C-alpha atoms as a PDB file:
ATOM      1  CA  UNK A   1       0.135  -0.033  -0.190  1.00  0.00           C
ATOM      2  CA  UNK A   2       1.232   3.788  -0.693  1.00  0.00           C
ATOM      3  CA  UNK A   3       2.175   5.740   2.008  1.00  0.00           C
ATOM      4  CA  UNK A   4       0.633   8.878   3.069  1.00  0.00           C
ATOM      5  CA  UNK A   5       3.660  12.159   3.241  1.00  0.00           C
ATOM      6  CA  UNK A   6       3.392  14.096   6.285  1.00  0.00           C
ATOM      7  CA  UNK A   7       5.022  16.636   6.688  1.00  0.00           C
ATOM      8  CA  UNK A   8       5.662  17.832  10.467  1.00  0.00           C
ATOM      9  CA  UNK A   9       5.761  21.668  11.505  1.00  0.00           C
ATOM     10  CA  UNK A  10       7.463  22.071  14.050  1.00  0.00           C
ATOM     11  CA  UNK A  11      11.410  21.028  14.829  1.00  0.00           C
ATOM     12  CA  UNK A  12      11.989  21.153  18.389  1.00  0.00           C
ATOM     13  CA  UNK A  13      11.588  18.338  21.069  1.00  0.00           C
ATOM     14  CA  UNK A  14       8.086  16.822  19.718  1.00  0.00           C
ATOM     15  CA  UNK A  15       8.389  17.722  16.688  1.00  0.00           C
ATOM     16  CA  UNK A  16      11.771  15.963  16.265  1.00  0.00           C
ATOM     17  CA  UNK A  17      10.434  12.455  18.080  1.00  0.00           C
ATOM     18  CA  UNK A  18       7.241  12.623  16.194  1.00  0.00           C
ATOM     19  CA  UNK A  19       9.729  12.541  13.321  1.00  0.00           C
ATOM     20  CA  UNK A  20      11.900   9.225  14.146  1.00  0.00           C
ATOM     21  CA  UNK A  21       8.396   8.256  15.256  1.00  0.00           C
ATOM     22  CA  UNK A  22       6.658   8.079  12.235  1.00  0.00           C
ATOM     23  CA  UNK A  23      10.233   7.010  10.245  1.00  0.00           C
ATOM     24  CA  UNK A  24      10.339   4.247  12.688  1.00  0.00           C
ATOM     25  CA  UNK A  25       6.722   3.225  13.768  1.00  0.00           C
ATOM     26  CA  UNK A  26       4.802   3.383  10.765  1.00  0.00           C
ATOM     27  CA  UNK A  27       3.474   1.466   8.100  1.00  0.00           C
ATOM     28  CA  UNK A  28       0.848   4.151   6.550  1.00  0.00           C
ATOM     29  CA  UNK A  29       2.737   7.512   5.701  1.00  0.00           C
ATOM     30  CA  UNK A  30       6.015   8.214   4.587  1.00  0.00           C
ATOM     31  CA  UNK A  31       8.144  11.187   7.078  1.00  0.00           C
ATOM     32  CA  UNK A  32       8.585  13.972   3.809  1.00  0.00           C
ATOM     33  CA  UNK A  33       9.128  17.222   5.444  1.00  0.00           C
ATOM     34  CA  UNK A  34      10.462  18.611   8.764  1.00  0.00           C
ATOM     35  CA  UNK A  35       9.532  22.219   9.158  1.00  0.00           C
ATOM     36  CA  UNK A  36      11.257  24.494  11.656  1.00  0.00           C
ATOM     37  CA  UNK A  37      12.239  28.190  11.994  1.00  0.00           C
ATOM     38  CA  UNK A  38      15.820  28.156  13.475  1.00  0.00           C
ATOM     39  CA  UNK A  39      18.174  26.158  11.321  1.00  0.00           C
ATOM     40  CA  UNK A  40      20.370  25.665  13.595  1.00  0.00           C
ATOM     41  CA  UNK A  41      17.999  23.416  15.091  1.00  0.00           C
ATOM     42  CA  UNK A  42      18.854  19.676  16.209  1.00  0.00           C
ATOM     43  CA  UNK A  43      15.562  18.597  14.269  1.00  0.00           C
ATOM     44  CA  UNK A  44      16.288  20.427  10.991  1.00  0.00           C
ATOM     45  CA  UNK A  45      20.326  19.424  11.333  1.00  0.00           C
ATOM     46  CA  UNK A  46      19.001  15.113  12.293  1.00  0.00           C
ATOM     47  CA  UNK A  47      16.263  15.092   9.657  1.00  0.00           C
ATOM     48  CA  UNK A  48      18.830  15.898   7.650  1.00  0.00           C
ATOM     49  CA  UNK A  49      21.031  13.844   7.835  1.00  0.00           C
ATOM     50  CA  UNK A  50      18.232  11.319   8.083  1.00  0.00           C
ATOM     51  CA  UNK A  51      17.855  12.174   4.191  1.00  0.00           C
ATOM     52  CA  UNK A  52      13.800  13.918   5.079  1.00  0.00           C
ATOM     53  CA  UNK A  53      13.019  17.220   3.680  1.00  0.00           C
ATOM     54  CA  UNK A  54      13.876  19.994   5.074  1.00  0.00           C
ATOM     55  CA  UNK A  55      13.096  24.295   5.457  1.00  0.00           C
ATOM     56  CA  UNK A  56      13.801  26.831   8.160  1.00  0.00           C
ATOM     57  CA  UNK A  57      11.231  29.260   6.605  1.00  0.00           C
ATOM     58  CA  UNK A  58       8.466  28.373   8.612  1.00  0.00           C
ATOM     59  CA  UNK A  59       5.142  27.083   7.140  1.00  0.00           C
ATOM     60  CA  UNK A  60       5.321  29.482   4.161  1.00  0.00           C
ATOM     61  CA  UNK A  61       8.367  27.599   3.513  1.00  0.00           C
ATOM     62  CA  UNK A  62       6.600  24.152   3.302  1.00  0.00           C
ATOM     63  CA  UNK A  63       3.705  25.455   1.342  1.00  0.00           C
ATOM     64  CA  UNK A  64       6.390  27.102  -1.348  1.00  0.00           C
ATOM     65  CA  UNK A  65       8.140  23.694  -1.396  1.00  0.00           C
ATOM     66  CA  UNK A  66       7.810  21.317  -4.759  1.00  0.00           C
ATOM     67  CA  UNK A  67       6.577  18.347  -2.999  1.00  0.00           C
ATOM     68  CA  UNK A  68       3.475  20.285  -1.093  1.00  0.00           C
ATOM     69  CA  UNK A  69       1.212  19.423  -3.433  1.00  0.00           C
ATOM     70  CA  UNK A  70       1.881  15.564  -2.722  1.00  0.00           C
ATOM     71  CA  UNK A  71       1.394  15.933   1.110  1.00  0.00           C
ATOM     72  CA  UNK A  72      -1.180  14.618   3.107  1.00  0.00           C
ATOM     73  CA  UNK A  73      -0.975  14.910   6.384  1.00  0.00           C
ATOM     74  CA  UNK A  74       0.817  17.864   8.446  1.00  0.00           C
ATOM     75  CA  UNK A  75       1.638  17.559  11.968  1.00  0.00           C
ATOM     76  CA  UNK A  76       1.653  20.969  14.507  1.00  0.00           C
ATOM     77  CA  UNK A  77       3.955  20.765  17.277  1.00  0.00           C
ATOM     78  CA  UNK A  78       4.286  24.800  17.684  1.00  0.00           C
ATOM     79  CA  UNK A  79       2.568  26.284  19.694  1.00  0.00           C
ATOM     80  CA  UNK A  80      -0.804  27.359  20.320  1.00  0.00           C
ATOM     81  CA  UNK A  81      -0.442  30.930  19.052  1.00  0.00           C
ATOM     82  CA  UNK A  82       1.672  29.672  15.761  1.00  0.00           C
ATOM     83  CA  UNK A  83      -1.289  27.198  14.835  1.00  0.00           C
ATOM     84  CA  UNK A  84      -4.180  29.851  14.329  1.00  0.00           C
ATOM     85  CA  UNK A  85      -1.212  31.001  12.166  1.00  0.00           C
ATOM     86  CA  UNK A  86      -0.759  28.188  10.457  1.00  0.00           C
ATOM     87  CA  UNK A  87      -3.843  26.221  10.537  1.00  0.00           C
ATOM     88  CA  UNK A  88      -5.192  29.827   8.012  1.00  0.00           C
ATOM     89  CA  UNK A  89      -2.202  29.098   5.846  1.00  0.00           C
ATOM     90  CA  UNK A  90      -3.131  25.271   4.995  1.00  0.00           C
ATOM     91  CA  UNK A  91      -6.197  25.603   5.264  1.00  0.00           C
ATOM     92  CA  UNK A  92      -6.984  26.336   1.080  1.00  0.00           C
ATOM     93  CA  UNK A  93      -5.091  23.853   0.122  1.00  0.00           C
ATOM     94  CA  UNK A  94      -6.933  20.437   1.624  1.00  0.00           C
ATOM     95  CA  UNK A  95      -4.905  19.309   4.446  1.00  0.00           C
ATOM     96  CA  UNK A  96      -5.139  16.303   6.875  1.00  0.00           C
ATOM     97  CA  UNK A  97      -3.736  18.549   9.776  1.00  0.00           C
ATOM     98  CA  UNK A  98      -3.438  17.243  13.809  1.00  0.00           C
ATOM     99  CA  UNK A  99      -2.553  20.074  16.502  1.00  0.00           C
ATOM    100  CA  UNK A 100      -0.380  18.663  18.928  1.00  0.00           C
ATOM    101  CA  UNK A 101      -0.498  22.740  20.285  1.00  0.00           C
ATOM    102  CA  UNK A 102      -3.332  23.901  22.656  1.00  0.00           C
ATOM    103  CA  UNK A 103      -4.838  25.649  20.013  1.00  0.00           C
ATOM    104  CA  UNK A 104      -8.193  24.065  19.983  1.00  0.00           C
ATOM    105  CA  UNK A 105      -9.098  25.125  16.796  1.00  0.00           C
ATOM    106  CA  UNK A 106     -10.155  21.309  15.814  1.00  0.00           C
ATOM    107  CA  UNK A 107     -12.129  18.865  17.353  1.00  0.00           C
ATOM    108  CA  UNK A 108     -10.444  17.241  20.282  1.00  0.00           C
ATOM    109  CA  UNK A 109      -9.015  13.668  19.516  1.00  0.00           C
ATOM    110  CA  UNK A 110      -8.395  11.342  22.595  1.00  0.00           C
ATOM    111  CA  UNK A 111      -8.359   7.383  20.189  1.00  0.00           C
ATOM    112  CA  UNK A 112      -8.613   5.469  23.017  1.00  0.00           C
ATOM    113  CA  UNK A 113     -12.035   7.157  23.553  1.00  0.00           C
ATOM    114  CA  UNK A 114     -13.108   9.245  21.000  1.00  0.00           C
ATOM    115  CA  UNK A 115     -11.231   8.331  16.861  1.00  0.00           C
ATOM    116  CA  UNK A 116     -13.991   7.689  15.719  1.00  0.00           C
ATOM    117  CA  UNK A 117     -16.263  10.120  15.437  1.00  0.00           C
ATOM    118  CA  UNK A 118     -14.149  13.026  13.701  1.00  0.00           C
ATOM    119  CA  UNK A 119     -12.870  11.034  10.196  1.00  0.00           C
ATOM    120  CA  UNK A 120     -14.721  13.963   8.077  1.00  0.00           C
ATOM    121  CA  UNK A 121     -12.742  16.792   9.848  1.00  0.00           C
ATOM    122  CA  UNK A 122      -9.960  18.312   8.475  1.00  0.00           C
ATOM    123  CA  UNK A 123      -8.273  19.559  11.732  1.00  0.00           C
ATOM    124  CA  UNK A 124      -8.122  17.432  14.846  1.00  0.00           C
ATOM    125  CA  UNK A 125      -6.822  18.687  17.678  1.00  0.00           C
ATOM    126  CA  UNK A 126      -4.685  16.457  20.290  1.00  0.00           C
ATOM    127  CA  UNK A 127      -5.453  18.287  23.778  1.00  0.00           C
ATOM    128  CA  UNK A 128      -2.630  18.312  25.647  1.00  0.00           C
ATOM    129  CA  UNK A 129      -0.581  15.556  27.104  1.00  0.00           C
ATOM    130  CA  UNK A 130      -2.038  15.259  30.367  1.00  0.00           C
ATOM    131  CA  UNK A 131      -5.423  14.772  28.679  1.00  0.00           C
ATOM    132  CA  UNK A 132      -4.002  12.219  26.600  1.00  0.00           C
ATOM    133  CA  UNK A 133      -3.623  10.703  29.791  1.00  0.00           C
ATOM    134  CA  UNK A 134      -6.016  11.229  31.948  1.00  0.00           C
ATOM    135  CA  UNK A 135      -9.143  11.498  29.540  1.00  0.00           C
ATOM    136  CA  UNK A 136      -9.428   7.925  29.356  1.00  0.00           C
ATOM    137  CA  UNK A 137      -9.678   7.658  32.756  1.00  0.00           C
ATOM    138  CA  UNK A 138     -12.463   9.727  33.328  1.00  0.00           C
ATOM    139  CA  UNK A 139     -14.544   8.217  30.119  1.00  0.00           C
ATOM    140  CA  UNK A 140     -14.264   5.075  31.726  1.00  0.00           C
ATOM    141  CA  UNK A 141     -15.428   5.686  35.022  1.00  0.00           C
ATOM    142  CA  UNK A 142     -17.657   7.618  33.113  1.00  0.00           C
ATOM    143  CA  UNK A 143     -18.751   4.090  30.845  1.00  0.00           C
ATOM    144  CA  UNK A 144     -20.513   2.984  33.687  1.00  0.00           C
ATOM    145  CA  UNK A 145     -22.344   6.002  35.182  1.00  0.00           C
ATOM    146  CA  UNK A 146     -22.873   9.737  35.279  1.00  0.00           C
ATOM    147  CA  UNK A 147     -19.121  11.553  36.770  1.00  0.00           C
ATOM    148  CA  UNK A 148     -20.453  14.802  38.356  1.00  0.00           C
ATOM    149  CA  UNK A 149     -16.655  15.985  38.942  1.00  0.00           C
ATOM    150  CA  UNK A 150     -13.131  15.277  37.161  1.00  0.00           C
ATOM    151  CA  UNK A 151     -10.153  17.047  38.192  1.00  0.00           C
ATOM    152  CA  UNK A 152      -6.829  15.807  36.994  1.00  0.00           C
ATOM    153  CA  UNK A 153      -2.964  16.750  38.166  1.00  0.00           C
ATOM    154  CA  UNK A 154      -0.021  16.248  35.603  1.00  0.00           C
ATOM    155  CA  UNK A 155       3.456  16.628  36.613  1.00  0.00           C
ATOM    156  CA  UNK A 156       6.071  16.599  34.637  1.00  0.00           C
ATOM    157  CA  UNK A 157      10.595  16.739  34.494  1.00  0.00           C
ATOM    158  CA  UNK A 158      10.713  19.852  34.176  1.00  0.00           C
ATOM    159  CA  UNK A 159      13.593  19.255  31.869  1.00  0.00           C
ATOM    160  CA  UNK A 160      10.592  17.598  29.806  1.00  0.00           C
ATOM    161  CA  UNK A 161       9.277  20.775  29.648  1.00  0.00           C
ATOM    162  CA  UNK A 162      10.637  22.863  26.739  1.00  0.00           C
ATOM    163  CA  UNK A 163       9.842  26.688  25.273  1.00  0.00           C
ATOM    164  CA  UNK A 164       6.637  25.789  23.704  1.00  0.00           C
ATOM    165  CA  UNK A 165       5.204  23.873  26.402  1.00  0.00           C
ATOM    166  CA  UNK A 166       5.930  26.873  28.948  1.00  0.00           C
ATOM    167  CA  UNK A 167       4.539  29.187  26.788  1.00  0.00           C
ATOM    168  CA  UNK A 168       1.172  26.977  26.718  1.00  0.00           C
ATOM    169  CA  UNK A 169       0.521  26.700  30.353  1.00  0.00           C
ATOM    170  CA  UNK A 170      -2.769  28.530  30.378  1.00  0.00           C
ATOM    171  CA  UNK A 171      -3.642  26.872  27.400  1.00  0.00           C
ATOM    172  CA  UNK A 172      -2.911  23.564  28.544  1.00  0.00           C
ATOM    173  CA  UNK A 173      -5.368  23.981  31.536  1.00  0.00           C
ATOM    174  CA  UNK A 174      -8.023  25.775  29.514  1.00  0.00           C
ATOM    175  CA  UNK A 175      -7.537  23.460  27.158  1.00  0.00           C
ATOM    176  CA  UNK A 176      -7.435  20.022  28.592  1.00  0.00           C
ATOM    177  CA  UNK A 177     -10.658  20.738  31.544  1.00  0.00           C
ATOM    178  CA  UNK A 178     -12.922  21.655  28.446  1.00  0.00           C
ATOM    179  CA  UNK A 179     -11.936  18.069  27.261  1.00  0.00           C
ATOM    180  CA  UNK A 180     -12.544  15.976  30.500  1.00  0.00           C
ATOM    181  CA  UNK A 181     -15.671  17.514  29.227  1.00  0.00           C
ATOM    182  CA  UNK A 182     -16.415  16.997  26.031  1.00  0.00           C
ATOM    183  CA  UNK A 183     -14.588  13.885  25.230  1.00  0.00           C
ATOM    184  CA  UNK A 184     -14.091  12.414  29.349  1.00  0.00           C
ATOM    185  CA  UNK A 185     -17.580  13.233  29.986  1.00  0.00           C
ATOM    186  CA  UNK A 186     -17.901  14.623  33.573  1.00  0.00           C
ATOM    187  CA  UNK A 187     -20.194  17.914  34.176  1.00  0.00           C
ATOM    188  CA  UNK A 188     -17.447  19.704  35.422  1.00  0.00           C
ATOM    189  CA  UNK A 189     -13.120  19.402  34.754  1.00  0.00           C
ATOM    190  CA  UNK A 190     -10.178  21.114  36.371  1.00  0.00           C
ATOM    191  CA  UNK A 191      -5.919  21.329  35.039  1.00  0.00           C
ATOM    192  CA  UNK A 192      -3.887  21.396  36.958  1.00  0.00           C
ATOM    193  CA  UNK A 193       0.121  21.227  35.524  1.00  0.00           C
ATOM    194  CA  UNK A 194       3.168  20.811  37.536  1.00  0.00           C
ATOM    195  CA  UNK A 195       6.912  21.378  36.822  1.00  0.00           C
ATOM    196  CA  UNK A 196       8.952  19.001  38.041  1.00  0.00           C
ATOM    197  CA  UNK A 197      12.486  20.947  38.597  1.00  0.00           C
ATOM    198  CA  UNK A 198      13.481  16.943  40.897  1.00  0.00           C
ATOM    199  CA  UNK A 199      17.325  15.064  39.757  1.00  0.00           C
ATOM    200  CA  UNK A 200      17.084  12.652  38.453  1.00  0.00           C
ATOM    201  CA  UNK A 201      14.235  13.907  36.132  1.00  0.00           C
ATOM    202  CA  UNK A 202      10.943  12.276  37.225  1.00  0.00           C
ATOM    203  CA  UNK A 203       8.797  10.549  34.706  1.00  0.00           C
ATOM    204  CA  UNK A 204       5.301  11.297  33.907  1.00  0.00           C
ATOM    205  CA  UNK A 205       2.355  11.249  36.564  1.00  0.00           C
ATOM    206  CA  UNK A 206      -1.097  11.653  36.697  1.00  0.00           C
ATOM    207  CA  UNK A 207      -3.784  12.031  38.945  1.00  0.00           C
ATOM    208  CA  UNK A 208      -7.417  11.690  38.420  1.00  0.00           C
ATOM    209  CA  UNK A 209     -10.156  12.261  40.976  1.00  0.00           C
ATOM    210  CA  UNK A 210     -13.696  11.183  39.912  1.00  0.00           C
ATOM    211  CA  UNK A 211     -16.938  12.575  41.854  1.00  0.00           C
ATOM    212  CA  UNK A 212     -19.238   9.707  40.761  1.00  0.00           C
ATOM    213  CA  UNK A 213     -22.234   8.373  43.023  1.00  0.00           C
ATOM    214  CA  UNK A 214     -22.536   6.088  45.837  1.00  0.00           C
ATOM    215  CA  UNK A 215     -20.819   2.639  44.603  1.00  0.00           C
ATOM    216  CA  UNK A 216     -21.352  -0.782  45.976  1.00  0.00           C
ATOM    217  CA  UNK A 217     -18.424  -3.465  45.568  1.00  0.00           C
ATOM    218  CA  UNK A 218     -19.731  -4.279  42.435  1.00  0.00           C
ATOM    219  CA  UNK A 219     -20.245  -0.789  40.635  1.00  0.00           C
ATOM    220  CA  UNK A 220     -16.754  -0.572  41.694  1.00  0.00           C
ATOM    221  CA  UNK A 221     -15.529  -3.350  40.775  1.00  0.00           C
ATOM    222  CA  UNK A 222     -17.751  -2.545  37.159  1.00  0.00           C
ATOM    223  CA  UNK A 223     -15.343   0.641  37.371  1.00  0.00           C
ATOM    224  CA  UNK A 224     -11.979  -1.157  38.147  1.00  0.00           C
ATOM    225  CA  UNK A 225     -12.590  -3.156  34.985  1.00  0.00           C
ATOM    226  CA  UNK A 226     -13.830  -0.226  33.016  1.00  0.00           C
ATOM    227  CA  UNK A 227     -10.421   1.336  33.840  1.00  0.00           C
ATOM    228  CA  UNK A 228      -8.292  -1.776  33.088  1.00  0.00           C
ATOM    229  CA  UNK A 229      -9.308  -1.837  29.985  1.00  0.00           C
ATOM    230  CA  UNK A 230      -8.775   1.907  28.616  1.00  0.00           C
ATOM    231  CA  UNK A 231      -5.337   1.525  29.777  1.00  0.00           C
ATOM    232  CA  UNK A 232      -5.012  -1.728  27.763  1.00  0.00           C
ATOM    233  CA  UNK A 233      -6.057   0.600  24.653  1.00  0.00           C
ATOM    234  CA  UNK A 234      -3.750   3.455  25.609  1.00  0.00           C
ATOM    235  CA  UNK A 235      -1.223   1.518  25.910  1.00  0.00           C
ATOM    236  CA  UNK A 236      -1.262  -0.459  22.522  1.00  0.00           C
ATOM    237  CA  UNK A 237       0.468   2.647  21.430  1.00  0.00           C
ATOM    238  CA  UNK A 238       2.168   3.990  24.474  1.00  0.00           C
ATOM    239  CA  UNK A 239       3.784   0.755  25.976  1.00  0.00           C
ATOM    240  CA  UNK A 240       4.881   3.055  28.764  1.00  0.00           C
ATOM    241  CA  UNK A 241       2.224   3.595  29.966  1.00  0.00           C
ATOM    242  CA  UNK A 242      -0.186   2.322  32.709  1.00  0.00           C
ATOM    243  CA  UNK A 243      -1.557   2.559  36.136  1.00  0.00           C
ATOM    244  CA  UNK A 244       1.044   2.964  38.822  1.00  0.00           C
ATOM    245  CA  UNK A 245      -1.192   1.304  41.462  1.00  0.00           C
ATOM    246  CA  UNK A 246      -4.780   0.317  42.664  1.00  0.00           C
ATOM    247  CA  UNK A 247      -7.381   1.812  41.759  1.00  0.00           C
ATOM    248  CA  UNK A 248      -8.689   3.591  44.934  1.00  0.00           C
ATOM    249  CA  UNK A 249     -12.343   4.300  46.311  1.00  0.00           C
ATOM    250  CA  UNK A 250     -13.430   6.323  48.639  1.00  0.00           C
ATOM    251  CA  UNK A 251     -17.723   7.722  50.664  1.00  0.00           C
ATOM    252  CA  UNK A 252     -17.653  11.208  50.443  1.00  0.00           C
ATOM    253  CA  UNK A 253     -20.641  13.285  52.433  1.00  0.00           C
ATOM    254  CA  UNK A 254     -22.455  16.333  50.562  1.00  0.00           C
ATOM    255  CA  UNK A 255     -20.034  18.021  51.601  1.00  0.00           C
ATOM    256  CA  UNK A 256     -18.371  17.824  48.327  1.00  0.00           C
ATOM    257  CA  UNK A 257     -21.487  19.825  46.761  1.00  0.00           C
ATOM    258  CA  UNK A 258     -19.658  22.296  45.586  1.00  0.00           C
ATOM    259  CA  UNK A 259     -17.327  20.705  43.114  1.00  0.00           C
ATOM    260  CA  UNK A 260     -20.338  18.995  42.047  1.00  0.00           C
ATOM    261  CA  UNK A 261     -23.141  21.653  39.059  1.00  0.00           C
ATOM    262  CA  UNK A 262     -26.086  21.905  41.093  1.00  0.00           C
ATOM    263  CA  UNK A 263     -28.536  19.664  38.648  1.00  0.00           C
ATOM    264  CA  UNK A 264     -26.175  16.758  39.716  1.00  0.00           C
ATOM    265  CA  UNK A 265     -26.269  16.931  43.765  1.00  0.00           C
ATOM    266  CA  UNK A 266     -27.278  13.901  45.909  1.00  0.00           C
ATOM    267  CA  UNK A 267     -26.509  13.239  49.275  1.00  0.00           C
ATOM    268  CA  UNK A 268     -23.791  11.246  48.938  1.00  0.00           C
ATOM    269  CA  UNK A 269     -20.652  10.512  46.546  1.00  0.00           C
ATOM    270  CA  UNK A 270     -17.884   8.242  46.399  1.00  0.00           C
ATOM    271  CA  UNK A 271     -14.685  10.014  45.160  1.00  0.00           C
ATOM    272  CA  UNK A 272     -12.831   7.472  42.643  1.00  0.00           C
ATOM    273  CA  UNK A 273      -8.946   8.124  42.516  1.00  0.00           C
ATOM    274  CA  UNK A 274      -6.530   7.098  39.819  1.00  0.00           C
ATOM    275  CA  UNK A 275      -2.637   6.722  39.525  1.00  0.00           C
ATOM    276  CA  UNK A 276      -0.338   6.067  36.238  1.00  0.00           C
ATOM    277  CA  UNK A 277       2.445   6.105  35.101  1.00  0.00           C
ATOM    278  CA  UNK A 278       4.183   7.577  31.638  1.00  0.00           C
ATOM    279  CA  UNK A 279       7.634   5.878  30.525  1.00  0.00           C
ATOM    280  CA  UNK A 280       9.117   7.528  27.013  1.00  0.00           C
ATOM    281  CA  UNK A 281       9.549   4.523  24.238  1.00  0.00           C
ATOM    282  CA  UNK A 282      13.561   6.930  23.943  1.00  0.00           C
ATOM    283  CA  UNK A 283      13.168   7.269  19.965  1.00  0.00           C
ATOM    284  CA  UNK A 284      14.704  10.594  20.561  1.00  0.00           C
ATOM    285  CA  UNK A 285      13.228  11.821  24.443  1.00  0.00           C
ATOM    286  CA  UNK A 286      14.653   9.964  27.279  1.00  0.00           C
ATOM    287  CA  UNK A 287      12.316   7.717  29.188  1.00  0.00           C
ATOM    288  CA  UNK A 288      10.942  10.409  31.591  1.00  0.00           C
ATOM    289  CA  UNK A 289      10.228  12.635  28.864  1.00  0.00           C
ATOM    290  CA  UNK A 290       6.374  10.435  28.578  1.00  0.00           C
ATOM    291  CA  UNK A 291       4.506  13.943  28.095  1.00  0.00           C
ATOM    292  CA  UNK A 292       5.873  14.476  25.181  1.00  0.00           C
ATOM    293  CA  UNK A 293       6.181  10.766  23.757  1.00  0.00           C
ATOM    294  CA  UNK A 294       1.981   9.968  25.426  1.00  0.00           C
ATOM    295  CA  UNK A 295       1.210  13.542  22.574  1.00  0.00           C
ATOM    296  CA  UNK A 296       3.565  11.883  19.406  1.00  0.00           C
ATOM    297  CA  UNK A 297       2.079   8.263  19.757  1.00  0.00           C
ATOM    298  CA  UNK A 298      -1.400   9.476  20.432  1.00  0.00           C
ATOM    299  CA  UNK A 299      -0.986  11.946  16.571  1.00  0.00           C
ATOM    300  CA  UNK A 300       0.656   9.126  15.423  1.00  0.00           C
ATOM    301  CA  UNK A 301      -2.059   7.069  15.615  1.00  0.00           C
ATOM    302  CA  UNK A 302      -5.241   9.415  14.965  1.00  0.00           C
ATOM    303  CA  UNK A 303      -3.443  10.156  11.725  1.00  0.00           C
ATOM    304  CA  UNK A 304      -2.849   6.930  10.497  1.00  0.00           C
ATOM    305  CA  UNK A 305      -6.282   6.573  11.742  1.00  0.00           C
ATOM    306  CA  UNK A 306      -7.805   9.189   9.544  1.00  0.00           C
ATOM    307  CA  UNK A 307      -5.709   8.775   6.409  1.00  0.00           C
ATOM    308  CA  UNK A 308      -7.029   5.047   6.725  1.00  0.00           C
ATOM    309  CA  UNK A 309     -10.822   6.966   6.579  1.00  0.00           C
ATOM    310  CA  UNK A 310     -10.075   9.407   4.130  1.00  0.00           C
ATOM    311  CA  UNK A 311      -9.134   6.065   1.539  1.00  0.00           C
ATOM    312  CA  UNK A 312     -12.058   4.394   2.896  1.00  0.00           C
ATOM    313  CA  UNK A 313     -13.846   7.026   1.690  1.00  0.00           C
ATOM    314  CA  UNK A 314     -12.578   7.772  -2.084  1.00  0.00           C
ATOM    315  CA  UNK A 315     -12.707   3.876  -2.724  1.00  0.00           C
END
């Protein structure tokens, strides 16, 4: 089968790691071009050594390249602000755009939850690293019974947070909180990110707190089974994704009402606590950078699915 040509905008950590994944793992995509704005970046130098076409002129340089008409997929691994300009420049050309920034121009996609819902969309958004790690858990609980409130805390190594990540902290919290509701199904969502400066650098850790109606033991078992199924589904394309310890349950009184939207308030609740760890594949980035690994892995899985759906629709 002929592979679809792909371009990656962004020659930093995320873009370069995504390039390596496409080249090593994908039977669907062919890495065609890496796009940057810094001619001295390690990503562009590495791409050139690997025989990948490059430009340091940004999206304008990409559009001006001779083989641009042949490119079917464009990944944007820049920043939320830059993506607005990149998307506007690419829109007239009919490319499939996979957005790894928190810009959220297109619909949110979390592969293990809703990968089949946006097959006709030209621009899809990969939420954030914290969203990719935690929304599958919120959705798993929501498949058993309604989620009134969900709060996630993503802790990542400070060294794994480059300039783009640091510039997008506000967008991270806003985009992730919204996606917890839109994709995860929570009535209310909240997201927090922590950049941990510990040495040696820590592996990405995520804590998910979900508030539901009170659960008896049978329903608790249903929730655990649903969570374990989602963890296995994510681990198919992010092998370092795993539960750090057993799922925990604690009954809560009505004091928690302030967290729950008024129409859903009850006399008692159960708090479900899930603790995750994400270890990176270390293709380009260190293994502690699971936050970046889960983003590039989810983006690759999404693009492969959408390319397949487009081909099926044409045949």
